[in-house]
Amino acid sequence: MEMHQVRYFLALCEELNFTRAAARVNVSQPSLTRAIKMLEAELGGPLFRRERQHSHLSELGRTVRPYLEQMHRRAEDAKREAQEFVRLQRTPLRLGLMCTIAPGCLVELMSAIRTRHPGVELHILDAVATALQERLIAGDLDVAIYALPDLSTERRLHYLPLYREQFMIVTALDHRLSRQSAIRVRDLAGEHYLFRVNCEYNGAADKIFDEQHVDTPTVYQSERDDWILAMAAAGIGFGFIPALCIDRGNVTARPLIAPEIWREVALVTVRGRPHSPSVGAFVREAMRMTWIGQPALAVQAARSILHEDDIEGEEPHSAE
């Protein structure tokens, strides 16, 4: 059985006319007729009943049609995968990663790209979120992963949320606040602050502290989270750090509450901009993997919508 025979058969199923089916697959009518006859000989019986200018599927034709349709779909899928694989050979991908993301969250994604798409050449820029957004819009990056409080309001961008993490207050093990299960904003009044220069939520946090009239004098600042953690462990002050970035056992980390502050990390591209196959491969891998043990938030949202549509589409059962 040849794939062109299957393709001709499916075209004839749609058209039920040899002339129109031949035109549809761009072959001569004798060629299509000959292919159908060869397929019938292989399958052991007529697939169509010919009646003047019209044809109808025989019982055998109706039986084998779903199997041949499935065969054709899989062949087309295989062809698309092969074409994409060829296109992805040595394809550069300019990726921006927010410098405050914990590397552990991205290792699995990088490994998946290397394993499944070896032709994708990653060129990674590590920078603060605002710089990544500017370079993405300017065309210097193809895709970026970062978080900003107002990201969802930027209409030029298309973003796929990956995961959320809460901001924590980090202190020395013997700090007075280490005995609490959570720390309120007002609990920090007068405490010395270790300022993370690159934190993308500094402005949002400052606004909350100002609204509650809580003063926390800055005693140290750094672009490096490891130094902020080291200073907290030494009792110099407290740090305001996302949960997944805390990788030291000699500090106490407690969630900030009243109010809580969370950041949503997203995969971001420019809306409407043509993208290379490498971008598509990267997005698919990001949506396929789990983030903090859960599917990407964008995948969860899509499943929720589909579930709601299924519920709305169900016919109500009549009461008896």
Protein backbone atom coordinates (compact mmCIF):
# COMPACT_ATOMS: atom_id res chain seq x y z
CA MET A 1 0.00 0.00 0.00
CA GLU A 2 1.41 3.35 -1.05
CA MET A 3 0.65 6.64 0.69
CA HIS A 4 -0.44 8.25 -2.57
CA GLN A 5 -3.09 5.50 -2.90
CA VAL A 6 -4.38 6.37 0.56
CA ARG A 7 -4.42 10.07 -0.34
CA TYR A 8 -6.35 9.38 -3.57
CA PHE A 9 -8.81 7.17 -1.69
CA LEU A 10 -9.54 9.87 0.90
CA ALA A 11 -9.98 12.52 -1.80
CA LEU A 12 -12.48 10.25 -3.57
CA CYS A 13 -14.30 9.71 -0.27
CA GLU A 14 -14.80 13.48 -0.06
CA GLU A 15 -15.68 14.15 -3.68
CA LEU A 16 -17.45 10.88 -4.65
CA ASN A 17 -16.51 11.73 -8.20
CA PHE A 18 -13.37 10.47 -9.96
CA THR A 19 -12.90 13.60 -12.07
CA ARG A 20 -13.18 16.02 -9.15
CA ALA A 21 -11.06 13.80 -6.90
CA ALA A 22 -8.30 13.66 -9.53
CA ALA A 23 -8.33 17.44 -9.82
CA ARG A 24 -8.20 17.76 -6.04
CA VAL A 25 -5.00 15.72 -5.74
CA ASN A 26 -3.59 17.16 -9.00
CA VAL A 27 -3.30 13.95 -11.01
CA SER A 28 -4.99 12.65 -14.15
CA GLN A 29 -8.21 10.69 -13.77
CA PRO A 30 -6.67 7.47 -15.26
CA SER A 31 -3.85 7.69 -12.69
CA LEU A 32 -6.31 8.04 -9.83
CA THR A 33 -8.49 5.22 -11.15
CA ARG A 34 -5.49 2.93 -11.53
CA ALA A 35 -4.33 3.69 -7.97
CA ILE A 36 -7.80 2.95 -6.55
CA LYS A 37 -7.98 -0.36 -8.44
CA MET A 38 -4.56 -1.38 -7.09
CA LEU A 39 -5.71 -0.51 -3.57
CA GLU A 40 -8.89 -2.52 -4.03
CA ALA A 41 -6.87 -5.51 -5.25
CA GLU A 42 -4.68 -5.31 -2.16
CA LEU A 43 -7.60 -4.96 0.25
CA GLY A 44 -9.60 -7.73 -1.41
CA GLY A 45 -12.70 -6.02 -2.76
CA PRO A 46 -14.29 -2.91 -4.24
CA LEU A 47 -14.05 0.25 -2.16
CA PHE A 48 -16.61 2.20 -4.18
CA ARG A 49 -19.85 1.44 -6.00
CA ARG A 50 -19.82 3.31 -9.30
CA GLU A 51 -23.15 4.71 -10.45
CA ARG A 52 -22.86 6.76 -13.64
CA GLN A 53 -21.15 10.06 -12.69
CA HIS A 54 -21.34 9.41 -8.96
CA SER A 55 -19.68 6.90 -6.68
CA HIS A 56 -20.53 5.64 -3.22
CA LEU A 57 -18.44 3.93 -0.59
CA SER A 58 -18.93 0.20 -0.41
CA GLU A 59 -19.25 -1.63 2.89
CA LEU A 60 -15.52 -2.43 2.67
CA GLY A 61 -14.76 1.20 1.89
CA ARG A 62 -16.68 2.41 4.95
CA THR A 63 -14.88 -0.17 7.10
CA VAL A 64 -11.35 0.76 6.09
CA ARG A 65 -11.86 4.53 5.78
CA PRO A 66 -11.18 5.43 9.47
CA TYR A 67 -8.03 3.32 9.46
CA LEU A 68 -6.73 4.93 6.29
CA GLU A 69 -7.62 8.37 7.64
CA GLN A 70 -5.59 7.64 10.76
CA MET A 71 -2.70 6.38 8.64
CA HIS A 72 -2.77 9.56 6.57
CA ARG A 73 -2.85 11.80 9.66
CA ARG A 74 0.11 10.02 11.18
CA ALA A 75 2.06 10.23 7.95
CA GLU A 76 1.38 13.97 7.76
CA ASP A 77 2.38 14.38 11.39
CA ALA A 78 5.61 12.51 10.74
CA LYS A 79 6.31 14.68 7.71
CA ARG A 80 5.77 17.87 9.72
CA GLU A 81 8.02 16.64 12.51
CA ALA A 82 10.72 15.75 9.98
CA GLN A 83 10.47 19.13 8.26
CA GLU A 84 10.64 20.93 11.58
CA PHE A 85 13.65 18.85 12.62
CA VAL A 86 15.44 19.84 9.42
CA ARG A 87 14.54 23.52 9.90
CA LEU A 88 15.85 23.39 13.47
CA GLN A 89 19.31 22.25 12.45
CA ARG A 90 21.72 24.91 13.76
CA THR A 91 18.96 27.45 14.41
CA PRO A 92 19.93 30.22 16.86
CA LEU A 93 17.61 31.17 19.69
CA ARG A 94 18.25 34.42 21.55
CA LEU A 95 16.90 33.78 25.04
CA GLY A 96 16.67 36.28 27.86
CA LEU A 97 16.61 35.00 31.45
CA MET A 98 15.83 37.16 34.44
CA CYS A 99 18.91 37.24 36.68
CA THR A 100 16.83 36.75 39.85
CA ILE A 101 15.37 33.38 38.76
CA ALA A 102 16.70 30.36 40.65
CA PRO A 103 18.70 28.24 38.14
CA GLY A 104 17.06 25.04 39.37
CA CYS A 105 13.79 26.10 37.77
CA LEU A 106 15.39 26.26 34.33
CA VAL A 107 17.77 23.29 34.27
CA GLU A 108 15.09 20.83 33.12
CA LEU A 109 13.99 23.15 30.32
CA MET A 110 17.53 23.67 29.06
CA SER A 111 18.13 19.92 29.15
CA ALA A 112 14.95 19.23 27.18
CA ILE A 113 15.96 21.70 24.47
CA ARG A 114 19.42 20.17 24.19
CA THR A 115 18.08 16.59 24.07
CA ARG A 116 15.05 16.98 21.80
CA HIS A 117 16.25 19.87 19.64
CA PRO A 118 20.03 19.54 19.34
CA GLY A 119 20.10 21.94 16.38
CA VAL A 120 18.87 24.88 18.48
CA GLU A 121 21.82 27.07 19.44
CA LEU A 122 20.98 28.91 22.66
CA HIS A 123 22.37 32.42 23.08
CA ILE A 124 21.43 33.41 26.63
CA LEU A 125 21.36 36.93 28.05
CA ASP A 126 21.16 37.16 31.83
CA ALA A 127 19.74 40.55 32.89
CA VAL A 128 17.18 42.36 35.02
CA ALA A 129 13.54 42.06 34.00
CA THR A 130 13.15 45.62 32.70
CA ALA A 131 16.23 45.29 30.48
CA LEU A 132 14.94 41.99 29.08
CA GLN A 133 11.60 43.54 28.22
CA GLU A 134 13.23 46.46 26.45
CA ARG A 135 15.51 44.17 24.40
CA LEU A 136 12.63 41.84 23.57
CA ILE A 137 10.52 44.67 22.19
CA ALA A 138 13.52 46.09 20.32
CA GLY A 139 14.08 42.74 18.57
CA ASP A 140 17.37 41.88 20.28
CA LEU A 141 15.79 38.80 21.88
CA ASP A 142 13.47 36.13 20.48
CA VAL A 143 11.96 35.05 23.79
CA ALA A 144 12.49 35.81 27.47
CA ILE A 145 11.53 34.46 30.88
CA TYR A 146 10.95 37.06 33.57
CA ALA A 147 8.46 38.62 35.98
CA LEU A 148 7.18 42.16 36.40
CA PRO A 149 4.21 43.40 38.45
CA ASP A 150 2.56 45.02 35.41
CA LEU A 151 3.56 42.48 32.75
CA SER A 152 -0.02 41.51 31.85
CA THR A 153 -0.87 45.13 30.96
CA GLU A 154 1.80 45.39 28.22
CA ARG A 155 -0.27 44.88 25.06
CA ARG A 156 2.75 44.53 22.78
CA LEU A 157 3.71 41.30 24.51
CA HIS A 158 2.30 37.80 24.61
CA TYR A 159 3.02 36.07 27.89
CA LEU A 160 2.50 32.49 29.07
CA PRO A 161 2.61 32.24 32.89
CA LEU A 162 4.86 29.44 34.11
CA TYR A 163 4.70 29.51 37.91
CA ARG A 164 4.14 31.74 40.95
CA GLU A 165 6.32 32.04 44.03
CA GLN A 166 5.88 33.99 47.22
CA PHE A 167 8.33 36.54 48.56
CA MET A 168 9.87 35.59 51.88
CA ILE A 169 11.59 37.48 54.68
CA VAL A 170 15.02 36.00 55.37
CA THR A 171 16.76 36.51 58.72
CA ALA A 172 19.45 34.96 60.87
CA LEU A 173 18.49 31.79 62.72
CA ASP A 174 18.46 33.58 66.08
CA HIS A 175 16.58 36.69 64.89
CA ARG A 176 13.57 37.70 66.99
CA LEU A 177 11.25 37.19 64.01
CA SER A 178 12.51 33.67 63.31
CA ARG A 179 10.09 32.30 65.94
CA GLN A 180 7.07 33.44 63.90
CA SER A 181 5.44 31.24 61.25
CA ALA A 182 4.86 34.32 59.06
CA ILE A 183 5.97 37.93 59.17
CA ARG A 184 3.67 40.93 58.72
CA VAL A 185 4.89 44.11 57.10
CA ARG A 186 4.46 46.04 60.34
CA ASP A 187 6.59 43.47 62.19
CA LEU A 188 9.59 44.77 60.22
CA ALA A 189 9.39 48.35 61.48
CA GLY A 190 12.87 49.56 62.40
CA GLU A 191 14.61 46.40 61.14
CA HIS A 192 17.74 46.78 59.00
CA TYR A 193 17.11 46.05 55.34
CA LEU A 194 19.40 44.18 52.93
CA PHE A 195 18.55 45.68 49.55
CA ARG A 196 18.49 43.39 46.49
CA VAL A 197 19.33 45.86 43.72
CA ASN A 198 17.93 43.71 40.89
CA CYS A 199 14.63 42.78 42.53
CA GLU A 200 11.84 43.45 40.03
CA TYR A 201 9.31 43.97 42.85
CA ASN A 202 11.22 46.65 44.75
CA GLY A 203 8.80 49.36 43.69
CA ALA A 204 5.73 47.34 44.62
CA ALA A 205 7.20 46.46 48.02
CA ASP A 206 8.24 50.06 48.71
CA LYS A 207 4.69 51.23 48.03
CA ILE A 208 3.25 48.72 50.52
CA PHE A 209 5.77 49.64 53.22
CA ASP A 210 5.11 53.37 52.67
CA GLU A 211 1.34 52.87 52.87
CA GLN A 212 1.76 51.16 56.25
CA HIS A 213 4.30 53.77 57.42
CA VAL A 214 6.92 51.09 58.05
CA ASP A 215 10.50 52.34 57.92
CA THR A 216 13.31 49.83 57.29
CA PRO A 217 16.69 51.58 56.93
CA THR A 218 18.95 50.07 54.27
CA VAL A 219 22.29 48.89 55.68
CA TYR A 220 23.59 46.89 52.73
CA GLN A 221 22.85 46.49 49.03
CA SER A 222 24.01 44.01 46.42
CA GLU A 223 23.18 42.65 42.98
CA ARG A 224 23.92 39.12 44.22
CA ASP A 225 21.42 37.04 46.15
CA ASP A 226 24.17 34.87 47.67
CA TRP A 227 25.66 37.95 49.36
CA ILE A 228 22.24 39.06 50.62
CA LEU A 229 21.73 35.60 52.13
CA ALA A 230 25.20 35.64 53.66
CA MET A 231 24.56 39.02 55.30
CA ALA A 232 21.19 37.81 56.62
CA ALA A 233 22.85 34.70 58.07
CA ALA A 234 25.41 36.97 59.78
CA GLY A 235 22.62 38.97 61.44
CA ILE A 236 23.30 42.20 59.51
CA GLY A 237 19.64 42.59 58.55
CA PHE A 238 16.71 40.99 56.73
CA GLY A 239 16.29 40.15 53.03
CA PHE A 240 13.19 40.23 50.83
CA ILE A 241 13.68 37.24 48.50
CA PRO A 242 11.51 34.90 46.34
CA ALA A 243 11.10 31.49 47.93
CA LEU A 244 12.93 29.48 45.25
CA CYS A 245 16.03 31.70 45.47
CA ILE A 246 16.68 30.74 49.08
CA ASP A 247 19.19 27.90 48.95
CA ARG A 248 20.99 28.28 52.28
CA GLY A 249 20.26 26.29 55.41
CA ASN A 250 21.76 28.80 57.84
CA VAL A 251 18.96 31.35 57.52
CA THR A 252 15.30 31.45 58.50
CA ALA A 253 12.77 32.12 55.72
CA ARG A 254 9.20 33.13 56.57
CA PRO A 255 6.41 34.25 54.21
CA LEU A 256 5.63 37.95 54.18
CA ILE A 257 1.95 38.55 54.88
CA ALA A 258 -0.51 41.39 55.47
CA PRO A 259 -0.23 41.64 52.54
CA GLU A 260 1.38 38.71 50.76
CA ILE A 261 3.57 39.50 47.75
CA TRP A 262 3.91 36.98 44.93
CA ARG A 263 5.63 37.11 41.58
CA GLU A 264 4.43 35.36 38.43
CA VAL A 265 7.24 34.19 36.17
CA ALA A 266 6.24 34.02 32.51
CA LEU A 267 7.58 33.09 29.10
CA VAL A 268 7.29 36.24 26.98
CA THR A 269 7.37 36.93 23.23
CA VAL A 270 6.36 39.92 21.12
CA ARG A 271 2.76 39.73 19.97
CA GLY A 272 2.34 39.37 16.19
CA ARG A 273 6.06 39.10 15.42
CA PRO A 274 7.04 36.22 13.05
CA HIS A 275 9.15 33.71 14.92
CA SER A 276 11.65 31.05 13.88
CA PRO A 277 10.92 27.34 14.44
CA SER A 278 13.33 27.43 17.38
CA VAL A 279 10.95 29.72 19.27
CA GLY A 280 8.08 27.32 18.66
CA ALA A 281 10.19 24.42 19.91
CA PHE A 282 11.17 26.36 23.03
CA VAL A 283 7.58 27.32 23.83
CA ARG A 284 6.36 23.73 23.40
CA GLU A 285 9.04 22.39 25.72
CA ALA A 286 8.24 25.05 28.34
CA MET A 287 4.54 24.13 28.20
CA ARG A 288 5.34 20.40 28.33
CA MET A 289 7.45 20.43 31.50
CA THR A 290 6.37 20.89 35.10
CA TRP A 291 7.17 23.96 37.18
CA ILE A 292 7.47 23.50 40.95
CA GLY A 293 5.79 20.12 40.52
CA GLN A 294 2.84 21.46 38.53
CA PRO A 295 2.06 22.07 34.85
CA ALA A 296 2.74 25.60 33.64
CA LEU A 297 0.07 28.06 34.79
CA ALA A 298 -0.81 28.74 31.15
CA VAL A 299 -1.48 25.02 30.61
CA GLN A 300 -3.59 24.82 33.77
CA ALA A 301 -5.65 27.81 32.63
CA ALA A 302 -6.23 26.27 29.19
CA ARG A 303 -7.35 22.98 30.74
CA SER A 304 -9.71 24.83 33.05
CA ILE A 305 -11.33 26.62 30.11
CA LEU A 306 -11.73 23.34 28.22
CA HIS A 307 -13.28 21.74 31.30
CA GLU A 308 -15.76 24.61 31.68
CA ASP A 309 -16.67 24.35 27.99
CA ASP A 310 -17.28 20.61 28.42
CA ILE A 311 -19.56 21.26 31.39
CA GLU A 312 -21.49 23.96 29.53
CA GLY A 313 -21.84 21.66 26.54
CA GLU A 314 -23.44 18.86 28.54
CA GLU A 315 -27.19 18.50 28.12
CA PRO A 316 -29.09 18.73 31.41
CA HIS A 317 -30.62 15.47 32.57
CA SER A 318 -34.39 15.55 32.72
CA ALA A 319 -35.89 14.88 36.13
CA GLU A 320 -38.21 11.91 36.35
